C-alpha atoms as a PDB file:
ATOM      1  CA  ASP A   1      12.329  38.457 -79.755  1.00  0.00           C
ATOM      2  CA  ASP A   2      14.410  36.725 -81.642  1.00  0.00           C
ATOM      3  CA  THR A   3      12.040  36.176 -84.583  1.00  0.00           C
ATOM      4  CA  LYS A   4      11.390  39.525 -85.631  1.00  0.00           C
ATOM      5  CA  ALA A   5      15.279  40.267 -85.193  1.00  0.00           C
ATOM      6  CA  ALA A   6      16.296  37.266 -87.634  1.00  0.00           C
ATOM      7  CA  ARG A   7      13.403  38.914 -89.786  1.00  0.00           C
ATOM      8  CA  LEU A   8      15.156  42.116 -90.033  1.00  0.00           C
ATOM      9  CA  TYR A   9      18.962  41.077 -89.874  1.00  0.00           C
ATOM     10  CA  ARG A  10      17.862  39.105 -93.540  1.00  0.00           C
ATOM     11  CA  LEU A  11      16.142  42.178 -94.599  1.00  0.00           C
ATOM     12  CA  ALA A  12      19.197  43.905 -94.126  1.00  0.00           C
ATOM     13  CA  ALA A  13      21.308  41.134 -95.215  1.00  0.00           C
ATOM     14  CA  GLU A  14      19.564  40.783 -98.535  1.00  0.00           C
ATOM     15  CA  GLN A  15      20.728  44.576 -98.996  1.00  0.00           C
ATOM     16  CA  GLY A  16      24.452  43.354 -98.790  1.00  0.00           C
ATOM     17  CA  LEU A  17      24.616  44.646 -95.575  1.00  0.00           C
ATOM     18  CA  ALA A  18      27.704  42.698 -94.262  1.00  0.00           C
ATOM     19  CA  LYS A  19      27.026  43.161 -90.212  1.00  0.00           C
ATOM     20  CA  ALA A  20      23.647  42.271 -90.941  1.00  0.00           C
ATOM     21  CA  GLN A  21      25.189  38.893 -93.051  1.00  0.00           C
ATOM     22  CA  LEU A  22      27.306  38.059 -89.886  1.00  0.00           C
ATOM     23  CA  ASN A  23      24.447  38.741 -87.372  1.00  0.00           C
ATOM     24  CA  LEU A  24      21.948  36.373 -89.503  1.00  0.00           C
ATOM     25  CA  ALA A  25      24.736  33.449 -89.857  1.00  0.00           C
ATOM     26  CA  ARG A  26      25.200  33.739 -86.073  1.00  0.00           C
ATOM     27  CA  PHE A  27      21.407  33.570 -85.858  1.00  0.00           C
ATOM     28  CA  CYS A  28      21.656  30.270 -88.508  1.00  0.00           C
ATOM     29  CA  VAL A  29      23.646  28.661 -86.386  1.00  0.00           C
ATOM     30  CA  LEU A  30      22.134  29.016 -83.197  1.00  0.00           C
ATOM     31  CA  GLY A  31      18.817  28.426 -84.135  1.00  0.00           C
ATOM     32  CA  ARG A  32      17.655  31.834 -82.862  1.00  0.00           C
ATOM     33  CA  GLY A  33      14.352  32.795 -84.020  1.00  0.00           C
ATOM     34  CA  MET A  34      14.640  30.415 -87.225  1.00  0.00           C
ATOM     35  CA  PRO A  35      15.631  27.100 -87.615  1.00  0.00           C
ATOM     36  CA  GLN A  36      19.347  25.936 -87.515  1.00  0.00           C
ATOM     37  CA  ASP A  37      21.242  25.920 -90.788  1.00  0.00           C
ATOM     38  CA  ALA A  38      25.028  25.489 -90.803  1.00  0.00           C
ATOM     39  CA  ASP A  39      25.098  25.943 -94.581  1.00  0.00           C
ATOM     40  CA  GLU A  40      23.027  29.048 -94.962  1.00  0.00           C
ATOM     41  CA  ALA A  41      25.580  30.306 -92.256  1.00  0.00           C
ATOM     42  CA  ALA A  42      28.665  29.344 -93.711  1.00  0.00           C
ATOM     43  CA  HIS A  43      27.270  31.049 -97.428  1.00  0.00           C
ATOM     44  CA  LEU A  44      26.395  34.487 -95.220  1.00  0.00           C
ATOM     45  CA  ILE A  45      29.644  34.348 -93.439  1.00  0.00           C
ATOM     46  CA  ARG A  46      31.195  34.118 -97.005  1.00  0.00           C
ATOM     47  CA  LEU A  47      29.281  36.976 -98.202  1.00  0.00           C
ATOM     48  CA  ALA A  48      30.426  39.309 -95.343  1.00  0.00           C
ATOM     49  CA  ALA A  49      33.449  38.112 -95.575  1.00  0.00           C
ATOM     50  CA  ASP A  50      34.006  39.074 -99.328  1.00  0.00           C
ATOM     51  CA  GLN A  51      32.961  42.491 -98.423  1.00  0.00           C
ATOM     52  CA  GLY A  52      35.876  42.870 -96.228  1.00  0.00           C
ATOM     53  CA  LEU A  53      34.506  42.594 -92.869  1.00  0.00           C
ATOM     54  CA  ALA A  54      37.242  41.039 -90.426  1.00  0.00           C
ATOM     55  CA  ASP A  55      34.861  39.405 -88.086  1.00  0.00           C
ATOM     56  CA  ALA A  56      33.390  37.433 -91.437  1.00  0.00           C
ATOM     57  CA  GLN A  57      37.105  36.977 -92.564  1.00  0.00           C
ATOM     58  CA  HIS A  58      38.219  35.585 -89.256  1.00  0.00           C
ATOM     59  CA  ASN A  59      35.110  33.415 -88.882  1.00  0.00           C
ATOM     60  CA  LEU A  60      35.368  32.181 -92.304  1.00  0.00           C
ATOM     61  CA  ALA A  61      38.821  31.392 -91.554  1.00  0.00           C
ATOM     62  CA  VAL A  62      37.722  29.034 -88.760  1.00  0.00           C
ATOM     63  CA  LEU A  63      34.953  27.373 -90.842  1.00  0.00           C
ATOM     64  CA  CYS A  64      38.221  26.641 -93.860  1.00  0.00           C
ATOM     65  CA  GLU A  65      40.843  25.592 -90.922  1.00  0.00           C
ATOM     66  CA  HIS A  66      38.048  23.028 -89.765  1.00  0.00           C
ATOM     67  CA  GLY A  67      36.057  22.039 -92.821  1.00  0.00           C
ATOM     68  CA  MET A  68      32.711  23.199 -91.352  1.00  0.00           C
ATOM     69  CA  GLY A  69      30.296  24.187 -94.266  1.00  0.00           C
ATOM     70  CA  MET A  70      33.289  23.596 -96.457  1.00  0.00           C
ATOM     71  CA  PRO A  71      35.885  21.590 -97.307  1.00  0.00           C
ATOM     72  CA  GLN A  72      39.194  21.999 -95.082  1.00  0.00           C
ATOM     73  CA  ASP A  73      41.507  24.179 -96.403  1.00  0.00           C
ATOM     74  CA  ASP A  74      44.601  25.620 -94.423  1.00  0.00           C
ATOM     75  CA  THR A  75      46.181  27.796 -97.264  1.00  0.00           C
ATOM     76  CA  LYS A  76      42.947  29.356 -97.647  1.00  0.00           C
ATOM     77  CA  ALA A  77      42.055  29.774 -93.772  1.00  0.00           C
ATOM     78  CA  ALA A  78      46.006  31.393 -93.555  1.00  0.00           C
ATOM     79  CA  ARG A  79      44.647  33.966 -96.014  1.00  0.00           C
ATOM     80  CA  LEU A  80      41.910  34.844 -94.430  1.00  0.00           C
ATOM     81  CA  TYR A  81      43.306  35.076 -91.033  1.00  0.00           C
ATOM     82  CA  ARG A  82      45.771  37.439 -92.373  1.00  0.00           C
ATOM     83  CA  LEU A  83      43.060  39.673 -94.364  1.00  0.00           C
ATOM     84  CA  ALA A  84      41.175  40.086 -90.370  1.00  0.00           C
ATOM     85  CA  ALA A  85      44.384  40.527 -88.836  1.00  0.00           C
ATOM     86  CA  GLU A  86      45.996  43.205 -91.258  1.00  0.00           C
ATOM     87  CA  GLN A  87      42.624  45.025 -90.012  1.00  0.00           C
ATOM     88  CA  GLY A  88      43.813  44.576 -86.473  1.00  0.00           C
ATOM     89  CA  LEU A  89      41.293  42.202 -85.206  1.00  0.00           C
ATOM     90  CA  ALA A  90      43.342  40.325 -82.385  1.00  0.00           C
ATOM     91  CA  LYS A  91      42.015  36.951 -82.282  1.00  0.00           C
ATOM     92  CA  ALA A  92      42.966  36.976 -86.336  1.00  0.00           C
ATOM     93  CA  GLN A  93      46.294  37.876 -85.342  1.00  0.00           C
ATOM     94  CA  LEU A  94      46.446  35.456 -82.663  1.00  0.00           C
ATOM     95  CA  ASN A  95      45.122  32.528 -85.230  1.00  0.00           C
ATOM     96  CA  LEU A  96      47.485  33.795 -87.586  1.00  0.00           C
ATOM     97  CA  ALA A  97      50.194  33.731 -85.506  1.00  0.00           C
ATOM     98  CA  ARG A  98      49.776  30.031 -84.638  1.00  0.00           C
ATOM     99  CA  PHE A  99      49.738  28.969 -88.134  1.00  0.00           C
ATOM    100  CA  CYS A 100      53.039  31.021 -88.682  1.00  0.00           C
ATOM    101  CA  VAL A 101      54.381  28.781 -85.617  1.00  0.00           C
ATOM    102  CA  LEU A 102      53.039  25.149 -86.979  1.00  0.00           C
ATOM    103  CA  GLY A 103      53.584  26.231 -90.844  1.00  0.00           C
ATOM    104  CA  ARG A 104      49.965  25.062 -91.630  1.00  0.00           C
ATOM    105  CA  GLY A 105      48.718  26.681 -94.929  1.00  0.00           C
ATOM    106  CA  MET A 106      52.396  29.158 -95.011  1.00  0.00           C
ATOM    107  CA  PRO A 107      55.848  28.510 -94.037  1.00  0.00           C
ATOM    108  CA  GLN A 108      56.981  28.467 -90.791  1.00  0.00           C
ATOM    109  CA  ASP A 109      58.195  31.436 -89.473  1.00  0.00           C
ATOM    110  CA  ALA A 110      58.881  32.623 -85.725  1.00  0.00           C
ATOM    111  CA  ASP A 111      59.487  35.993 -86.285  1.00  0.00           C
ATOM    112  CA  GLU A 112      56.331  37.022 -87.888  1.00  0.00           C
ATOM    113  CA  ALA A 113      54.404  34.780 -84.942  1.00  0.00           C
ATOM    114  CA  ALA A 114      56.220  36.749 -82.230  1.00  0.00           C
ATOM    115  CA  HIS A 115      55.164  39.947 -83.765  1.00  0.00           C
ATOM    116  CA  LEU A 116      51.632  38.863 -84.720  1.00  0.00           C
ATOM    117  CA  ILE A 117      51.161  37.924 -80.609  1.00  0.00           C
ATOM    118  CA  ARG A 118      52.699  41.285 -79.893  1.00  0.00           C
ATOM    119  CA  LEU A 119      50.305  42.985 -81.983  1.00  0.00           C
ATOM    120  CA  ALA A 120      47.306  41.127 -80.322  1.00  0.00           C
ATOM    121  CA  ALA A 121      48.974  41.534 -76.293  1.00  0.00           C
ATOM    122  CA  ASP A 122      48.928  44.905 -77.009  1.00  0.00           C
ATOM    123  CA  GLN A 123      45.106  45.169 -77.941  1.00  0.00           C
ATOM    124  CA  GLY A 124      44.566  43.464 -74.494  1.00  0.00           C
ATOM    125  CA  LEU A 125      43.865  39.504 -75.752  1.00  0.00           C
ATOM    126  CA  ALA A 126      44.934  37.512 -72.391  1.00  0.00           C
ATOM    127  CA  ASP A 127      45.926  34.851 -74.672  1.00  0.00           C
ATOM    128  CA  ALA A 128      48.075  36.601 -76.527  1.00  0.00           C
ATOM    129  CA  GLN A 129      49.320  38.215 -73.229  1.00  0.00           C
ATOM    130  CA  HIS A 130      49.927  34.728 -72.121  1.00  0.00           C
ATOM    131  CA  ASN A 131      52.128  33.485 -75.583  1.00  0.00           C
ATOM    132  CA  LEU A 132      53.750  36.532 -75.233  1.00  0.00           C
ATOM    133  CA  ALA A 133      55.147  35.730 -71.446  1.00  0.00           C
ATOM    134  CA  VAL A 134      55.930  32.639 -72.356  1.00  0.00           C
ATOM    135  CA  LEU A 135      57.735  33.841 -75.263  1.00  0.00           C
ATOM    136  CA  CYS A 136      59.384  36.267 -73.136  1.00  0.00           C
ATOM    137  CA  GLU A 137      60.475  33.489 -70.708  1.00  0.00           C
ATOM    138  CA  HIS A 138      62.075  31.661 -72.846  1.00  0.00           C
ATOM    139  CA  GLY A 139      63.623  34.216 -75.323  1.00  0.00           C
ATOM    140  CA  MET A 140      62.091  33.150 -78.274  1.00  0.00           C
ATOM    141  CA  GLY A 141      61.018  35.497 -81.034  1.00  0.00           C
ATOM    142  CA  MET A 142      62.232  38.627 -79.346  1.00  0.00           C
ATOM    143  CA  PRO A 143      64.242  41.615 -80.045  1.00  0.00           C
END
């Protein structure tokens, strides 16, 4: 029952539980058990990210990168991807690697990108394994 789940997520979110804030944000985006509300979703993701929840930091970085629910800001997105990546979140490591390669919101750094791709690949992230294979094939960023 999505309506009941949304109500319960809201109760827990209002008490500051980061996981509930992130789940309620997902319900806001999808309109599950409540009307769709992108602004509320961004607010909830920000609250969870501020508590250090890696998935929320990554999701907030995506919003910053694309200017969804907030101004587009590559520097802030890079900082948020780094916070999540440092907690071991593979998708954040891969996104931060992309920023390193492109020099988005940070100086270009191919070696750091390769390191991050290896970390994400070691966790089994298929896109990172593919990117690592490309690096190996071309002898780029590898010791």
